[in-house]
Amino acid sequence: MALALADLALGLALLLLLGLAFALALAMRVGSFLASNNFKVVRKNKDSIVRFCKSAVKQAGQRVLTSNRRLLLYLRTSVSSVSIWRLCRWGCFPAMATSPLSKREIQVLLALVKAHVALGVPVGSQTLNQREDLGVSSATIRNALASLEEKGYVSQPHVSAGRIPSEKGYRFYVQRCMATADAGSDEAEITLRQQLEAAQQEGDYEEILYQLARTIGDLSNQLGLVLAPRFNQGIFHKLELWHLGQRRLLLVVTIRGGLTKSLMIEVDCAVSQRDLEALSRLFNERLHGLTMAEIQNAVEARMVELGPVPRPVVEAVVGQIEGLAITRGADLHVSGTRNLCLKPEFDDPSHVAGLVDLVEKKDILAQLMSERRGVVITIGSEHRPRAMGRCSMVTASYEVTGAKGVIGVIGVIGPTRMPYRSLVNLVNCAASRAANLIC
């Protein structure tokens, strides 16, 4: 939220600067006119004054657009998340509104994305015509590509190369094609089901999640991600405390619907199993039926009467319970880092170093995934972490069967050149099965 507000404030500040530049240009134009002899002639004719005002406004606007093209481009690409660019399109700078694509341009753009994803290199008009059979001449395709480049949907790495889709081109492709996404290939679904069923037989909650991430990474040839279901909206059922010796305790929290979480606790004082059972009864009496979010805000107040249990033990248990409603890096399971390193987009170590650092630390990625609901696709600069500027992220959320409000997220990260349609099908399939696996 803070980042979004900061982005909005920056966008408004930039718009204010452009407004001041426009006012200054207009004042200069009017000032030069007033100083000229033409003013003496025009001031007696009302229609001439109106024509002059329109001309002055137009010239001032053109001057601002010409001299601040880079600033306007930044507004369009970097501040779009808070709809600043929509303000421009709704009247502030109507000349900057993007022209709609023609049917031919749409056909060529969709074909270019498909060919580039398959080949991994810039695609020329002849290659595009041979692969996709567009039914038009190469010259027609070249003209369409030139128009798409002018509108920002494709780019040309260098003069003699073909074209590649830009972030804007990929976004158009995603919005255009994802509505027709099918159920995916039977082979991928069978492989996914077999590997998940094998993991389920292990009976270990964390193992199931790791195997799910590994399977997604292998099938997609991208980085597979699985965020464990968040407990913050789950309803507390009970907890159990067990003494493991050497001042170590095992805390088992059960959410309504059967989902459990096991946590290890280290305490600074000795405590007997009898005291732990008494503490478990006290927690269960006072917290039963509350959501984990409610418990997070009220657990300390509800546990004022401690009985014979040492205060440090209670504080340690309370801290672990409160932590169940917070997204942590340990809740994120990742597999397939090697897949990313082998992508041609990341052949330069500097391009992948920041991303690998995100994967290793996990906290930022875990928080990023926890905010996503339904099927979400983000591309390039739409990501907050700069390390993901060359990546796309496809995720799907799932709700654990029988545990309302307990939501996890499954996804993949890879270069912007990725097969979006098949990856959406994969994460959707995995999410639908995960809802029944980990309960």
Protein backbone atom coordinates (compact mmCIF):
# COMPACT_ATOMS: atom_id res chain seq x y z
CA MET A 1 0.00 0.00 0.00
CA ALA A 2 2.83 2.40 0.91
CA LEU A 3 4.57 1.72 -2.41
CA ALA A 4 1.33 2.30 -4.33
CA LEU A 5 0.76 5.63 -2.55
CA ALA A 6 4.35 6.65 -3.22
CA ASP A 7 3.90 5.74 -6.89
CA LEU A 8 0.69 7.78 -7.02
CA ALA A 9 2.38 10.77 -5.37
CA LEU A 10 5.26 10.58 -7.86
CA GLY A 11 2.87 10.39 -10.78
CA LEU A 12 0.88 13.41 -9.56
CA ALA A 13 4.11 15.36 -9.02
CA LEU A 14 5.23 14.60 -12.58
CA LEU A 15 1.85 15.64 -13.95
CA LEU A 16 2.13 18.88 -11.96
CA LEU A 17 5.53 19.54 -13.52
CA LEU A 18 4.10 18.96 -16.98
CA GLY A 19 1.25 21.33 -16.16
CA LEU A 20 3.68 24.02 -15.09
CA ALA A 21 5.71 23.47 -18.27
CA PHE A 22 2.51 23.88 -20.31
CA ALA A 23 1.57 27.07 -18.46
CA LEU A 24 5.06 28.48 -18.98
CA ALA A 25 5.02 27.67 -22.70
CA LEU A 26 1.58 29.25 -23.03
CA ALA A 27 2.67 32.38 -21.14
CA MET A 28 5.72 32.75 -23.37
CA ARG A 29 3.57 32.44 -26.48
CA VAL A 30 1.05 35.00 -25.22
CA GLY A 31 3.82 37.33 -24.05
CA SER A 32 5.55 37.33 -27.40
CA PHE A 33 2.25 38.00 -29.12
CA LEU A 34 1.35 40.91 -26.85
CA ALA A 35 4.72 42.46 -27.56
CA SER A 36 4.14 42.29 -31.31
CA ASN A 37 2.26 44.68 -33.54
CA ASN A 38 -0.24 41.97 -34.46
CA PHE A 39 -1.95 42.42 -31.09
CA LYS A 40 -3.13 45.91 -32.00
CA VAL A 41 -4.89 44.52 -35.06
CA VAL A 42 -6.35 41.39 -33.48
CA ARG A 43 -7.68 42.90 -30.23
CA LYS A 44 -10.55 44.64 -32.07
CA ASN A 45 -11.79 41.38 -33.59
CA LYS A 46 -13.37 38.89 -31.14
CA ASP A 47 -13.14 35.94 -33.56
CA SER A 48 -9.45 36.60 -34.14
CA ILE A 49 -8.80 36.53 -30.39
CA VAL A 50 -10.57 33.16 -30.07
CA ARG A 51 -8.53 31.73 -32.96
CA PHE A 52 -5.32 33.04 -31.38
CA CYS A 53 -6.18 31.43 -28.00
CA LYS A 54 -6.83 28.04 -29.62
CA SER A 55 -3.61 28.27 -31.62
CA ALA A 56 -1.59 29.28 -28.55
CA VAL A 57 -2.91 26.38 -26.48
CA LYS A 58 -2.19 23.92 -29.30
CA GLN A 59 1.37 25.18 -29.83
CA ALA A 60 2.12 25.13 -26.10
CA GLY A 61 0.83 21.57 -25.83
CA GLN A 62 2.93 20.42 -28.77
CA ARG A 63 6.02 22.03 -27.27
CA VAL A 64 5.51 20.24 -23.94
CA LEU A 65 4.92 16.89 -25.68
CA THR A 66 8.05 17.29 -27.81
CA SER A 67 10.40 18.39 -25.02
CA ASN A 68 9.13 15.97 -22.38
CA ARG A 69 8.74 12.79 -24.39
CA ARG A 70 10.89 10.70 -22.01
CA LEU A 71 8.94 11.92 -18.99
CA LEU A 72 5.66 11.03 -20.64
CA LEU A 73 7.04 7.60 -21.52
CA TYR A 74 7.93 7.06 -17.85
CA LEU A 75 4.40 8.03 -16.82
CA ARG A 76 2.99 5.60 -19.32
CA THR A 77 5.13 2.60 -18.36
CA SER A 78 6.01 3.02 -14.69
CA VAL A 79 3.01 4.75 -13.13
CA SER A 80 0.28 2.83 -14.95
CA SER A 81 -0.41 0.72 -11.85
CA VAL A 82 -2.14 3.70 -10.22
CA SER A 83 -3.98 4.76 -13.40
CA ILE A 84 -2.03 7.98 -13.92
CA TRP A 85 -1.69 7.12 -17.58
CA ARG A 86 -5.48 6.73 -17.81
CA LEU A 87 -5.79 10.35 -16.66
CA CYS A 88 -3.64 11.32 -19.59
CA ARG A 89 -5.77 9.27 -21.96
CA TRP A 90 -8.98 10.81 -20.57
CA GLY A 91 -8.08 14.29 -21.71
CA CYS A 92 -4.88 15.68 -20.24
CA PHE A 93 -2.81 14.65 -23.28
CA PRO A 94 -5.22 13.23 -25.88
CA ALA A 95 -2.53 13.21 -28.55
CA MET A 96 -0.67 10.51 -26.60
CA ALA A 97 -3.55 8.00 -26.59
CA THR A 98 -2.54 4.77 -28.30
CA SER A 99 -4.27 4.06 -31.58
CA PRO A 100 -6.20 0.79 -31.64
CA LEU A 101 -4.65 -2.09 -33.51
CA SER A 102 -6.05 -3.17 -36.85
CA LYS A 103 -7.08 -6.78 -37.45
CA ARG A 104 -3.91 -7.32 -39.48
CA GLU A 105 -1.71 -5.90 -36.71
CA ILE A 106 -3.41 -8.12 -34.13
CA GLN A 107 -2.90 -11.17 -36.34
CA VAL A 108 0.79 -10.37 -36.86
CA LEU A 109 1.40 -9.57 -33.17
CA LEU A 110 -0.16 -12.82 -31.92
CA ALA A 111 1.84 -14.78 -34.51
CA LEU A 112 5.05 -12.97 -33.52
CA VAL A 113 4.60 -13.82 -29.82
CA LYS A 114 3.95 -17.45 -30.66
CA ALA A 115 7.00 -17.69 -32.95
CA HIS A 116 9.34 -15.85 -30.58
CA VAL A 117 8.34 -18.03 -27.61
CA ALA A 118 9.10 -21.12 -29.70
CA LEU A 119 12.37 -19.91 -31.27
CA GLY A 120 13.84 -17.62 -28.63
CA VAL A 121 15.32 -15.24 -31.23
CA PRO A 122 14.12 -12.09 -33.06
CA VAL A 123 11.68 -13.07 -35.80
CA GLY A 124 11.70 -11.57 -39.29
CA SER A 125 8.82 -11.21 -41.71
CA GLN A 126 9.84 -14.18 -43.89
CA THR A 127 10.25 -16.53 -40.93
CA LEU A 128 6.93 -15.37 -39.55
CA ASN A 129 5.18 -15.94 -42.84
CA GLN A 130 6.65 -19.44 -43.24
CA ARG A 131 5.91 -20.58 -39.68
CA GLU A 132 2.47 -19.11 -39.14
CA ASP A 133 1.04 -19.10 -42.69
CA LEU A 134 -0.61 -15.68 -42.34
CA GLY A 135 -1.77 -15.68 -45.94
CA VAL A 136 -0.20 -12.31 -46.81
CA SER A 137 3.06 -11.19 -48.37
CA SER A 138 6.24 -10.57 -46.41
CA ALA A 139 5.99 -6.89 -47.32
CA THR A 140 2.57 -6.68 -45.68
CA ILE A 141 3.97 -8.32 -42.55
CA ARG A 142 6.91 -5.89 -42.53
CA ASN A 143 4.53 -2.95 -42.70
CA ALA A 144 2.46 -4.36 -39.84
CA LEU A 145 5.60 -4.95 -37.75
CA ALA A 146 6.79 -1.39 -38.40
CA SER A 147 3.41 -0.06 -37.25
CA LEU A 148 3.49 -2.28 -34.15
CA GLU A 149 6.98 -1.05 -33.33
CA GLU A 150 5.85 2.56 -33.64
CA LYS A 151 2.98 1.83 -31.22
CA GLY A 152 5.28 0.11 -28.71
CA TYR A 153 4.09 -3.50 -29.07
CA VAL A 154 7.33 -4.87 -30.55
CA SER A 155 10.98 -3.83 -30.65
CA GLN A 156 14.00 -4.44 -32.85
CA PRO A 157 17.26 -5.30 -31.03
CA HIS A 158 19.32 -3.87 -33.90
CA VAL A 159 18.76 -2.69 -37.45
CA SER A 160 19.38 -5.99 -39.26
CA ALA A 161 17.45 -8.16 -36.73
CA GLY A 162 13.85 -9.25 -36.67
CA ARG A 163 11.37 -8.15 -34.03
CA ILE A 164 10.60 -9.35 -30.52
CA PRO A 165 7.50 -8.59 -28.44
CA SER A 166 7.76 -5.81 -25.87
CA GLU A 167 6.14 -5.98 -22.43
CA LYS A 168 3.18 -4.17 -23.93
CA GLY A 169 2.99 -6.78 -26.68
CA TYR A 170 3.07 -9.65 -24.18
CA ARG A 171 0.38 -7.96 -22.09
CA PHE A 172 -1.85 -7.63 -25.15
CA TYR A 173 -1.24 -11.28 -25.99
CA VAL A 174 -2.13 -12.38 -22.46
CA GLN A 175 -5.33 -10.35 -22.34
CA ARG A 176 -6.33 -11.50 -25.82
CA CYS A 177 -5.59 -15.19 -25.50
CA MET A 178 -6.04 -16.22 -21.88
CA ALA A 179 -9.83 -16.06 -22.12
CA THR A 180 -9.63 -19.04 -24.48
CA ALA A 181 -7.23 -21.10 -22.32
CA ASP A 182 -8.18 -24.77 -22.42
CA ALA A 183 -7.80 -27.51 -19.84
CA GLY A 184 -4.19 -28.28 -20.80
CA SER A 185 -2.58 -31.39 -22.20
CA ASP A 186 -3.68 -34.76 -20.88
CA GLU A 187 -0.05 -35.92 -20.60
CA ALA A 188 0.95 -33.02 -18.33
CA GLU A 189 -2.14 -33.51 -16.17
CA ILE A 190 -1.49 -37.25 -15.80
CA THR A 191 2.15 -36.62 -14.83
CA LEU A 192 1.09 -33.98 -12.35
CA ARG A 193 -1.53 -36.23 -10.76
CA GLN A 194 0.85 -39.20 -10.47
CA GLN A 195 3.62 -37.21 -8.81
CA LEU A 196 1.26 -35.47 -6.39
CA GLU A 197 -0.40 -38.73 -5.41
CA ALA A 198 3.04 -40.21 -4.71
CA ALA A 199 3.86 -37.23 -2.49
CA GLN A 200 0.51 -37.53 -0.69
CA GLN A 201 1.32 -41.12 0.31
CA GLU A 202 4.23 -39.77 2.35
CA GLY A 203 1.61 -38.20 4.59
CA ASP A 204 3.85 -35.20 5.40
CA TYR A 205 2.38 -31.76 4.84
CA GLU A 206 5.68 -30.02 4.03
CA GLU A 207 6.82 -32.85 1.75
CA ILE A 208 3.63 -32.57 -0.28
CA LEU A 209 4.21 -28.85 -0.82
CA TYR A 210 7.85 -29.34 -1.81
CA GLN A 211 6.98 -32.14 -4.24
CA LEU A 212 4.29 -29.91 -5.72
CA ALA A 213 6.83 -27.12 -6.33
CA ARG A 214 9.29 -29.61 -7.80
CA THR A 215 6.68 -31.11 -10.13
CA ILE A 216 5.59 -27.68 -11.38
CA GLY A 217 9.20 -26.64 -11.97
CA ASP A 218 9.92 -29.83 -13.93
CA LEU A 219 6.77 -29.73 -16.06
CA SER A 220 7.00 -26.02 -16.85
CA ASN A 221 10.81 -25.86 -17.22
CA GLN A 222 10.57 -22.66 -15.16
CA LEU A 223 10.94 -21.83 -11.47
CA GLY A 224 8.19 -23.62 -9.55
CA LEU A 225 6.67 -21.89 -6.50
CA VAL A 226 4.23 -23.10 -3.86
CA LEU A 227 3.17 -20.86 -0.97
CA ALA A 228 1.78 -22.83 1.96
CA PRO A 229 -1.85 -22.07 2.86
CA ARG A 230 -2.11 -19.01 5.06
CA PHE A 231 -3.86 -19.51 8.38
CA ASN A 232 -4.92 -15.91 8.97
CA GLN A 233 -8.58 -16.53 8.01
CA GLY A 234 -8.70 -20.13 9.22
CA ILE A 235 -10.76 -20.91 12.33
CA PHE A 236 -8.82 -22.19 15.32
CA HIS A 237 -9.84 -25.68 16.47
CA LYS A 238 -7.25 -26.74 19.01
CA LEU A 239 -3.57 -26.87 19.89
CA GLU A 240 -1.42 -29.46 21.60
CA LEU A 241 1.90 -29.02 23.40
CA TRP A 242 4.41 -31.84 23.85
CA HIS A 243 7.62 -31.92 25.83
CA LEU A 244 10.61 -33.06 23.74
CA GLY A 245 13.31 -32.67 26.35
CA GLN A 246 16.21 -30.23 26.69
CA ARG A 247 13.81 -27.30 26.92
CA ARG A 248 12.31 -28.00 23.50
CA LEU A 249 8.58 -28.17 22.85
CA LEU A 250 6.42 -29.31 19.93
CA LEU A 251 3.39 -27.14 19.17
CA VAL A 252 0.67 -28.67 16.96
CA VAL A 253 -2.06 -26.23 15.83
CA THR A 254 -5.18 -27.58 14.13
CA ILE A 255 -7.49 -25.44 12.00
CA ARG A 256 -11.15 -26.32 11.50
CA GLY A 257 -11.25 -28.66 8.51
CA GLY A 258 -8.26 -30.73 9.65
CA LEU A 259 -5.28 -28.67 8.45
CA THR A 260 -2.45 -28.80 10.98
CA LYS A 261 0.82 -26.97 11.52
CA SER A 262 3.68 -28.32 13.62
CA LEU A 263 6.22 -25.93 15.15
CA MET A 264 9.32 -26.41 17.27
CA ILE A 265 9.72 -24.08 20.28
CA GLU A 266 12.76 -23.50 22.43
CA VAL A 267 12.18 -22.12 25.94
CA ASP A 268 14.53 -20.71 28.58
CA CYS A 269 13.08 -22.61 31.53
CA ALA A 270 12.08 -26.13 32.41
CA VAL A 271 8.41 -27.11 32.17
CA SER A 272 6.65 -30.41 32.81
CA GLN A 273 4.27 -32.23 30.46
CA ARG A 274 1.52 -31.76 33.04
CA ASP A 275 1.94 -27.97 32.91
CA LEU A 276 1.92 -28.11 29.11
CA GLU A 277 -1.37 -30.02 29.12
CA ALA A 278 -2.86 -27.42 31.46
CA LEU A 279 -1.65 -24.64 29.18
CA SER A 280 -3.12 -26.42 26.14
CA ARG A 281 -6.54 -26.59 27.84
CA LEU A 282 -6.33 -22.90 28.71
CA PHE A 283 -5.54 -21.91 25.10
CA ASN A 284 -8.27 -24.17 23.69
CA GLU A 285 -10.92 -22.79 26.05
CA ARG A 286 -10.18 -19.16 25.23
CA LEU A 287 -9.30 -19.31 21.55
CA HIS A 288 -11.64 -21.96 20.14
CA GLY A 289 -13.81 -20.66 17.27
CA LEU A 290 -11.78 -17.52 16.57
CA THR A 291 -10.05 -16.84 13.28
CA MET A 292 -6.28 -16.72 13.38
CA ALA A 293 -6.43 -13.01 12.51
CA GLU A 294 -8.65 -12.38 15.55
CA ILE A 295 -6.32 -14.43 17.72
CA GLN A 296 -3.34 -12.42 16.52
CA ASN A 297 -4.96 -9.23 17.82
CA ALA A 298 -6.35 -10.62 21.09
CA VAL A 299 -4.28 -13.59 22.25
CA GLU A 300 -2.25 -11.69 24.83
CA ALA A 301 -5.33 -10.14 26.43
CA ARG A 302 -7.09 -13.51 26.59
CA MET A 303 -4.13 -15.18 28.28
CA VAL A 304 -3.78 -12.87 31.28
CA GLU A 305 -4.41 -15.67 33.80
CA LEU A 306 -1.48 -18.00 33.37
CA GLY A 307 -1.93 -20.47 36.18
CA PRO A 308 1.19 -22.43 37.18
CA VAL A 309 2.90 -22.26 33.77
CA PRO A 310 6.02 -20.02 33.63
CA ARG A 311 5.50 -16.75 31.78
CA PRO A 312 8.37 -17.30 29.26
CA VAL A 313 6.71 -20.53 28.07
CA VAL A 314 3.38 -18.77 27.49
CA GLU A 315 5.10 -15.93 25.63
CA ALA A 316 6.94 -18.39 23.40
CA VAL A 317 3.68 -20.20 22.51
CA VAL A 318 1.83 -16.91 21.95
CA GLY A 319 4.60 -15.73 19.62
CA GLN A 320 4.34 -18.89 17.51
CA ILE A 321 0.54 -18.61 17.27
CA GLU A 322 0.73 -14.98 16.20
CA GLY A 323 3.31 -15.94 13.58
CA LEU A 324 0.86 -18.31 11.89
CA ALA A 325 -0.98 -15.29 10.45
CA ILE A 326 2.22 -13.76 9.01
CA THR A 327 3.68 -14.72 5.65
CA ARG A 328 7.29 -15.84 6.02
CA GLY A 329 9.97 -17.04 3.66
CA ALA A 330 9.83 -20.49 5.27
CA ASP A 331 6.25 -20.86 3.96
CA LEU A 332 7.47 -20.69 0.35
CA HIS A 333 8.67 -23.85 -1.40
CA VAL A 334 10.82 -23.31 -4.50
CA SER A 335 12.23 -25.67 -7.10
CA GLY A 336 13.82 -25.25 -10.53
CA THR A 337 16.40 -22.49 -10.07
CA ARG A 338 18.59 -24.37 -12.54
CA ASN A 339 15.86 -24.00 -15.18
CA LEU A 340 16.15 -20.21 -14.96
CA CYS A 341 19.94 -20.21 -15.19
CA LEU A 342 19.77 -22.19 -18.44
CA LYS A 343 17.45 -19.72 -20.18
CA PRO A 344 19.18 -17.65 -22.91
CA GLU A 345 17.66 -14.48 -21.41
CA PHE A 346 19.80 -15.05 -18.32
CA ASP A 347 23.11 -15.99 -19.95
CA ASP A 348 24.59 -12.85 -18.40
CA PRO A 349 25.22 -13.62 -14.68
CA SER A 350 24.28 -10.05 -13.74
CA HIS A 351 20.79 -10.61 -15.14
CA VAL A 352 20.08 -13.62 -12.94
CA ALA A 353 22.04 -12.76 -9.79
CA GLY A 354 19.34 -10.56 -8.27
CA LEU A 355 16.64 -13.12 -9.04
CA VAL A 356 18.63 -15.93 -7.45
CA ASP A 357 19.08 -13.73 -4.39
CA LEU A 358 15.29 -13.28 -4.17
CA VAL A 359 14.81 -17.04 -4.42
CA GLU A 360 17.33 -17.73 -1.68
CA LYS A 361 15.94 -15.18 0.78
CA LYS A 362 12.30 -16.02 -0.07
CA ASP A 363 10.68 -13.38 2.18
CA ILE A 364 9.95 -10.86 -0.59
CA LEU A 365 8.66 -13.54 -2.97
CA ALA A 366 6.47 -15.05 -0.24
CA GLN A 367 4.91 -11.66 0.52
CA LEU A 368 4.42 -10.97 -3.17
CA MET A 369 2.60 -14.27 -3.70
CA SER A 370 0.44 -13.89 -0.59
CA GLU A 371 -1.23 -10.82 -2.16
CA ARG A 372 -2.38 -12.65 -5.30
CA ARG A 373 -5.86 -14.17 -5.67
CA GLY A 374 -7.28 -16.12 -8.58
CA VAL A 375 -5.18 -16.38 -11.74
CA VAL A 376 -2.71 -13.48 -11.94
CA ILE A 377 -0.10 -12.78 -14.63
CA THR A 378 2.47 -10.02 -14.15
CA ILE A 379 5.08 -9.07 -16.74
CA GLY A 380 8.44 -7.31 -16.52
CA SER A 381 8.25 -3.84 -14.99
CA GLU A 382 4.87 -4.62 -13.43
CA HIS A 383 6.84 -6.29 -10.62
CA ARG A 384 8.00 -4.25 -7.66
CA PRO A 385 11.33 -6.08 -7.15
CA ARG A 386 13.74 -4.76 -9.79
CA ALA A 387 15.36 -8.17 -9.96
CA MET A 388 12.18 -9.44 -11.66
CA GLY A 389 12.27 -6.80 -14.39
CA ARG A 390 13.11 -9.42 -17.05
CA CYS A 391 10.61 -11.98 -15.72
CA SER A 392 6.97 -12.91 -15.88
CA MET A 393 5.06 -14.54 -13.04
CA VAL A 394 1.96 -16.73 -13.43
CA THR A 395 0.07 -17.76 -10.29
CA ALA A 396 -3.20 -19.34 -9.21
CA SER A 397 -4.58 -19.40 -5.68
CA TYR A 398 -6.40 -22.28 -4.02
CA GLU A 399 -8.55 -22.68 -0.90
CA VAL A 400 -8.01 -25.78 1.22
CA THR A 401 -11.06 -28.05 1.15
CA GLY A 402 -13.00 -27.84 4.40
CA ALA A 403 -10.96 -24.90 5.72
CA LYS A 404 -12.68 -21.73 4.53
CA GLY A 405 -10.35 -18.77 4.17
CA VAL A 406 -7.18 -20.88 4.32
CA ILE A 407 -5.61 -19.92 0.99
CA GLY A 408 -2.34 -20.89 -0.70
CA VAL A 409 -0.79 -19.84 -4.00
CA ILE A 410 0.93 -21.85 -6.75
CA GLY A 411 2.96 -20.32 -9.55
CA VAL A 412 5.94 -20.15 -11.87
CA ILE A 413 8.56 -17.50 -12.66
CA GLY A 414 10.43 -17.36 -15.93
CA PRO A 415 11.57 -14.94 -18.64
CA THR A 416 8.92 -12.78 -20.31
CA ARG A 417 9.33 -15.12 -23.27
CA MET A 418 7.22 -17.94 -21.85
CA PRO A 419 4.28 -20.07 -23.08
CA TYR A 420 1.61 -18.22 -21.10
CA ARG A 421 -1.35 -20.30 -22.22
CA SER A 422 0.12 -23.67 -21.19
CA LEU A 423 1.49 -22.28 -17.93
CA VAL A 424 -1.91 -20.88 -16.94
CA ASN A 425 -3.38 -24.32 -17.59
CA LEU A 426 -0.65 -25.96 -15.50
CA VAL A 427 -0.97 -23.75 -12.41
CA ASN A 428 -4.76 -23.93 -12.61
CA CYS A 429 -4.64 -27.71 -12.68
CA ALA A 430 -2.13 -27.83 -9.83
CA ALA A 431 -4.20 -25.41 -7.73
CA SER A 432 -7.38 -27.44 -8.17
CA ARG A 433 -5.59 -30.60 -7.01
CA ALA A 434 -3.69 -28.91 -4.18
CA ALA A 435 -6.97 -27.89 -2.58
CA ASN A 436 -7.71 -31.56 -1.88
CA LEU A 437 -4.17 -32.79 -1.27
CA ILE A 438 -3.20 -30.87 1.83
CA CYS A 439 -6.17 -31.36 4.08
